[in-house]
Each structure stands twice: as C-alpha cells, then as structure tokens.
Amino acid sequence: ADPKSMELLRVWVANQDQHVSLRVGVWDDPFAWGIVLADLAGHIANTYTQSQAGQKKKQKKMTRAEVLERIVDGFDAEMAGENDETIGEVIE
C-alpha cells in the first residue's frame, strides 16, 4: 500500500551459480546494507527455528543462536575466500 515501496534485493540460483539483483543508491552510507543483512539473517534464523526449513528430518534441531552462528560462519568463510570473485555491473 506504500507508494514509495521498492524491492531492494533478489537472489536466485541458476546453472548452479548464484545471481543477484539489487537496487543501488538507496542509501548514501553502506552501513544501512549491514542492517539489511543482519535483518535478513534474523529472518532466516526464524524460519529454521520455526519450521526447520531446509533441514533433513534426522538433523538436530538448531536454536536461533546456533543458526545465526552458522550464518556468520558462512559469511566469514565467504568473505575470506581468495578464489571467489564477485562479478557484475551496475545497469542504470
């Protein structure tokens, strides 16, 4: 209902590769994107703890803190990766 609403981020997998579309220039300070990432991690953690979405039935149920820790572990590993180059371009 908000006429100023907009999609900020879309992520999908195609051909065994991750693809991203995002709206740049929304905020002057990249700090805001950190808030978006943190909020997204919280939503992901909530889905895992509420429904154990994406987990095998025999897998131990994880707490919200455990899910967030695994997300941070994955984030840190990806940021430290030397062989993974993020490519793309801004389309006006």
N, C-alpha and C. Protein backbone atom coordinates (compact mmCIF):
# COMPACT_ATOMS: atom_id res chain seq x y z
N ALA A 1 0.81 -1.19 0.00
CA ALA A 1 0.00 0.00 0.00
C ALA A 1 0.86 1.27 0.00
N ASP A 2 2.17 1.11 0.26
CA ASP A 2 3.06 2.27 0.31
C ASP A 2 3.53 2.61 -1.10
N PRO A 3 3.19 3.77 -1.62
CA PRO A 3 3.59 4.13 -2.99
C PRO A 3 5.10 4.30 -3.14
N LYS A 4 5.82 4.43 -2.03
CA LYS A 4 7.28 4.57 -2.09
C LYS A 4 8.01 3.25 -1.87
N SER A 5 7.24 2.15 -1.79
CA SER A 5 7.89 0.85 -1.57
C SER A 5 8.69 0.44 -2.80
N MET A 6 9.73 -0.40 -2.56
CA MET A 6 10.58 -0.86 -3.65
C MET A 6 11.27 -2.15 -3.24
N GLU A 7 11.60 -2.96 -4.21
CA GLU A 7 12.38 -4.16 -3.96
C GLU A 7 13.85 -3.77 -3.91
N LEU A 8 14.56 -4.24 -2.88
CA LEU A 8 15.97 -3.90 -2.73
C LEU A 8 16.89 -4.99 -3.23
N LEU A 9 16.48 -6.25 -3.05
CA LEU A 9 17.39 -7.36 -3.29
C LEU A 9 16.63 -8.58 -3.77
N ARG A 10 17.21 -9.25 -4.75
CA ARG A 10 16.67 -10.53 -5.23
C ARG A 10 17.87 -11.45 -5.46
N VAL A 11 17.79 -12.67 -4.95
CA VAL A 11 18.86 -13.66 -5.10
C VAL A 11 18.24 -14.95 -5.61
N TRP A 12 18.86 -15.54 -6.63
CA TRP A 12 18.37 -16.81 -7.15
C TRP A 12 19.54 -17.65 -7.61
N VAL A 13 19.28 -18.96 -7.79
CA VAL A 13 20.28 -19.89 -8.27
C VAL A 13 19.86 -20.36 -9.65
N ALA A 14 20.80 -20.27 -10.60
CA ALA A 14 20.57 -20.77 -11.95
C ALA A 14 21.90 -21.33 -12.46
N ASN A 15 21.82 -22.47 -13.11
CA ASN A 15 23.03 -23.11 -13.63
C ASN A 15 24.08 -23.31 -12.54
N GLN A 16 23.62 -23.69 -11.36
CA GLN A 16 24.47 -23.97 -10.21
C GLN A 16 25.32 -22.76 -9.81
N ASP A 17 24.80 -21.58 -10.03
CA ASP A 17 25.51 -20.36 -9.67
C ASP A 17 24.52 -19.38 -9.06
N GLN A 18 25.01 -18.54 -8.17
CA GLN A 18 24.16 -17.55 -7.51
C GLN A 18 24.11 -16.27 -8.34
N HIS A 19 22.92 -15.73 -8.47
CA HIS A 19 22.71 -14.49 -9.21
C HIS A 19 22.01 -13.49 -8.29
N VAL A 20 22.39 -12.23 -8.41
CA VAL A 20 21.88 -11.20 -7.51
C VAL A 20 21.47 -9.98 -8.31
N SER A 21 20.34 -9.44 -7.95
CA SER A 21 19.89 -8.16 -8.48
C SER A 21 19.61 -7.28 -7.27
N LEU A 22 20.21 -6.09 -7.25
CA LEU A 22 19.94 -5.21 -6.12
C LEU A 22 19.82 -3.77 -6.57
N ARG A 23 19.10 -3.01 -5.78
CA ARG A 23 18.89 -1.59 -6.07
C ARG A 23 19.97 -0.80 -5.35
N VAL A 24 20.85 -0.20 -6.12
CA VAL A 24 21.93 0.60 -5.54
C VAL A 24 21.49 2.05 -5.44
N GLY A 25 22.17 2.80 -4.61
CA GLY A 25 21.89 4.22 -4.49
C GLY A 25 20.72 4.55 -3.59
N VAL A 26 20.20 3.56 -2.88
CA VAL A 26 19.09 3.82 -1.97
C VAL A 26 19.57 4.60 -0.76
N TRP A 27 20.75 4.23 -0.26
CA TRP A 27 21.33 4.88 0.91
C TRP A 27 22.72 5.39 0.57
N ASP A 28 23.09 6.52 1.13
CA ASP A 28 24.42 7.07 0.94
C ASP A 28 25.47 6.27 1.72
N ASP A 29 25.09 5.75 2.88
CA ASP A 29 26.03 5.05 3.76
C ASP A 29 25.82 3.54 3.67
N PRO A 30 26.85 2.77 3.30
CA PRO A 30 26.72 1.32 3.21
C PRO A 30 26.36 0.66 4.54
N PHE A 31 26.47 1.40 5.64
CA PHE A 31 26.06 0.90 6.95
C PHE A 31 24.63 0.35 6.90
N ALA A 32 23.78 1.00 6.13
CA ALA A 32 22.38 0.57 6.02
C ALA A 32 22.27 -0.84 5.45
N TRP A 33 23.17 -1.18 4.51
CA TRP A 33 23.15 -2.54 3.96
C TRP A 33 23.53 -3.57 5.03
N GLY A 34 24.39 -3.17 5.98
CA GLY A 34 24.71 -4.05 7.10
C GLY A 34 23.48 -4.36 7.92
N ILE A 35 22.62 -3.35 8.10
CA ILE A 35 21.36 -3.57 8.82
C ILE A 35 20.46 -4.52 8.03
N VAL A 36 20.39 -4.35 6.71
CA VAL A 36 19.59 -5.24 5.88
C VAL A 36 20.10 -6.68 6.00
N LEU A 37 21.42 -6.87 5.93
CA LEU A 37 21.99 -8.21 6.05
C LEU A 37 21.69 -8.83 7.41
N ALA A 38 21.81 -8.03 8.48
CA ALA A 38 21.52 -8.53 9.82
C ALA A 38 20.05 -8.91 9.96
N ASP A 39 19.16 -8.07 9.44
CA ASP A 39 17.73 -8.38 9.49
C ASP A 39 17.41 -9.64 8.69
N LEU A 40 18.03 -9.77 7.53
CA LEU A 40 17.83 -10.96 6.71
C LEU A 40 18.30 -12.21 7.44
N ALA A 41 19.46 -12.13 8.10
CA ALA A 41 19.95 -13.27 8.89
C ALA A 41 18.95 -13.63 9.98
N GLY A 42 18.36 -12.63 10.61
CA GLY A 42 17.36 -12.89 11.64
C GLY A 42 16.13 -13.59 11.09
N HIS A 43 15.68 -13.17 9.91
CA HIS A 43 14.52 -13.82 9.29
C HIS A 43 14.84 -15.27 8.92
N ILE A 44 16.05 -15.49 8.40
CA ILE A 44 16.46 -16.86 8.06
C ILE A 44 16.51 -17.72 9.32
N ALA A 45 17.08 -17.19 10.39
CA ALA A 45 17.15 -17.93 11.65
C ALA A 45 15.76 -18.26 12.16
N ASN A 46 14.84 -17.32 12.05
CA ASN A 46 13.47 -17.57 12.50
C ASN A 46 12.84 -18.72 11.72
N THR A 47 13.07 -18.77 10.41
CA THR A 47 12.45 -19.86 9.63
C THR A 47 13.03 -21.21 10.02
N TYR A 48 14.32 -21.26 10.30
CA TYR A 48 14.93 -22.53 10.71
C TYR A 48 14.40 -22.99 12.06
N THR A 49 14.22 -22.06 12.99
CA THR A 49 13.77 -22.47 14.32
C THR A 49 12.27 -22.74 14.36
N GLN A 50 11.51 -22.10 13.49
CA GLN A 50 10.06 -22.30 13.50
C GLN A 50 9.65 -23.56 12.76
N SER A 51 10.31 -23.84 11.65
CA SER A 51 9.87 -24.98 10.85
C SER A 51 10.99 -25.94 10.49
N GLN A 52 12.22 -25.59 10.88
CA GLN A 52 13.39 -26.36 10.49
C GLN A 52 13.45 -26.51 8.97
N ALA A 53 13.03 -25.44 8.27
CA ALA A 53 13.02 -25.41 6.81
C ALA A 53 14.40 -25.72 6.27
N GLY A 54 14.43 -26.57 5.27
CA GLY A 54 15.68 -26.88 4.61
C GLY A 54 16.55 -27.86 5.35
N GLN A 55 16.08 -28.37 6.47
CA GLN A 55 16.89 -29.33 7.22
C GLN A 55 16.34 -30.73 7.07
N LYS A 56 17.24 -31.69 7.08
CA LYS A 56 16.84 -33.10 7.00
C LYS A 56 16.14 -33.50 8.28
N LYS A 57 15.22 -34.43 8.17
CA LYS A 57 14.41 -34.82 9.33
C LYS A 57 15.25 -35.36 10.48
N LYS A 58 16.36 -36.02 10.16
CA LYS A 58 17.20 -36.61 11.21
C LYS A 58 18.19 -35.62 11.79
N GLN A 59 18.26 -34.43 11.23
CA GLN A 59 19.20 -33.42 11.70
C GLN A 59 18.70 -32.82 13.01
N LYS A 60 19.65 -32.55 13.91
CA LYS A 60 19.29 -31.97 15.20
C LYS A 60 18.67 -30.59 15.02
N LYS A 61 17.64 -30.32 15.80
CA LYS A 61 17.00 -29.01 15.76
C LYS A 61 17.97 -27.98 16.31
N MET A 62 18.09 -26.87 15.61
CA MET A 62 19.02 -25.82 15.99
C MET A 62 18.27 -24.68 16.68
N THR A 63 18.94 -24.06 17.63
CA THR A 63 18.38 -22.87 18.27
C THR A 63 18.63 -21.67 17.34
N ARG A 64 17.96 -20.57 17.62
CA ARG A 64 18.15 -19.36 16.83
C ARG A 64 19.61 -18.91 16.88
N ALA A 65 20.21 -18.98 18.07
CA ALA A 65 21.61 -18.59 18.22
C ALA A 65 22.53 -19.48 17.40
N GLU A 66 22.25 -20.77 17.37
CA GLU A 66 23.07 -21.70 16.58
C GLU A 66 22.95 -21.42 15.09
N VAL A 67 21.73 -21.13 14.64
CA VAL A 67 21.52 -20.80 13.23
C VAL A 67 22.28 -19.53 12.88
N LEU A 68 22.16 -18.50 13.72
CA LEU A 68 22.87 -17.25 13.46
C LEU A 68 24.39 -17.46 13.45
N GLU A 69 24.88 -18.31 14.34
CA GLU A 69 26.31 -18.59 14.37
C GLU A 69 26.76 -19.26 13.06
N ARG A 70 25.96 -20.18 12.54
CA ARG A 70 26.30 -20.85 11.27
C ARG A 70 26.25 -19.85 10.12
N ILE A 71 25.29 -18.92 10.16
CA ILE A 71 25.23 -17.89 9.12
C ILE A 71 26.48 -17.02 9.16
N VAL A 72 26.89 -16.61 10.35
CA VAL A 72 28.10 -15.80 10.49
C VAL A 72 29.33 -16.58 10.04
N ASP A 73 29.38 -17.87 10.38
CA ASP A 73 30.50 -18.71 9.92
C ASP A 73 30.57 -18.73 8.39
N GLY A 74 29.43 -18.90 7.75
CA GLY A 74 29.39 -18.91 6.30
C GLY A 74 29.77 -17.56 5.72
N PHE A 75 29.29 -16.49 6.34
CA PHE A 75 29.64 -15.14 5.89
C PHE A 75 31.14 -14.91 5.98
N ASP A 76 31.71 -15.25 7.14
CA ASP A 76 33.14 -15.06 7.34
C ASP A 76 33.96 -15.89 6.36
N ALA A 77 33.55 -17.14 6.12
CA ALA A 77 34.27 -18.00 5.19
C ALA A 77 34.21 -17.44 3.77
N GLU A 78 33.06 -16.93 3.38
CA GLU A 78 32.91 -16.37 2.03
C GLU A 78 33.72 -15.09 1.88
N MET A 79 33.72 -14.25 2.90
CA MET A 79 34.47 -13.00 2.84
C MET A 79 35.98 -13.26 2.81
N ALA A 80 36.43 -14.33 3.45
CA ALA A 80 37.85 -14.67 3.49
C ALA A 80 38.30 -15.44 2.25
N GLY A 81 37.34 -15.90 1.45
CA GLY A 81 37.68 -16.71 0.28
C GLY A 81 38.53 -15.95 -0.72
N GLU A 82 39.62 -16.60 -1.13
CA GLU A 82 40.53 -15.97 -2.08
C GLU A 82 40.17 -16.29 -3.52
N ASN A 83 39.44 -17.37 -3.75
CA ASN A 83 39.16 -17.83 -5.11
C ASN A 83 37.80 -17.41 -5.62
N ASP A 84 37.02 -16.78 -4.78
CA ASP A 84 35.67 -16.42 -5.18
C ASP A 84 35.61 -14.94 -5.54
N GLU A 85 35.48 -14.66 -6.81
CA GLU A 85 35.41 -13.27 -7.25
C GLU A 85 33.96 -12.91 -7.53
N THR A 86 33.49 -11.85 -6.90
CA THR A 86 32.15 -11.36 -7.16
C THR A 86 32.22 -10.45 -8.38
N ILE A 87 31.45 -10.80 -9.40
CA ILE A 87 31.48 -10.02 -10.63
C ILE A 87 30.09 -9.48 -10.92
N GLY A 88 30.04 -8.48 -11.75
CA GLY A 88 28.76 -7.90 -12.14
C GLY A 88 28.96 -6.46 -12.54
N GLU A 89 27.86 -5.83 -12.89
CA GLU A 89 27.94 -4.45 -13.30
C GLU A 89 26.66 -3.71 -12.92
N VAL A 90 26.79 -2.42 -12.78
CA VAL A 90 25.64 -1.57 -12.49
C VAL A 90 24.97 -1.21 -13.81
N ILE A 91 23.68 -1.44 -13.86
CA ILE A 91 22.90 -1.09 -15.04
C ILE A 91 21.99 0.06 -14.64
N GLU A 92 22.13 1.16 -15.29
CA GLU A 92 21.34 2.35 -14.99
C GLU A 92 19.96 2.22 -15.58
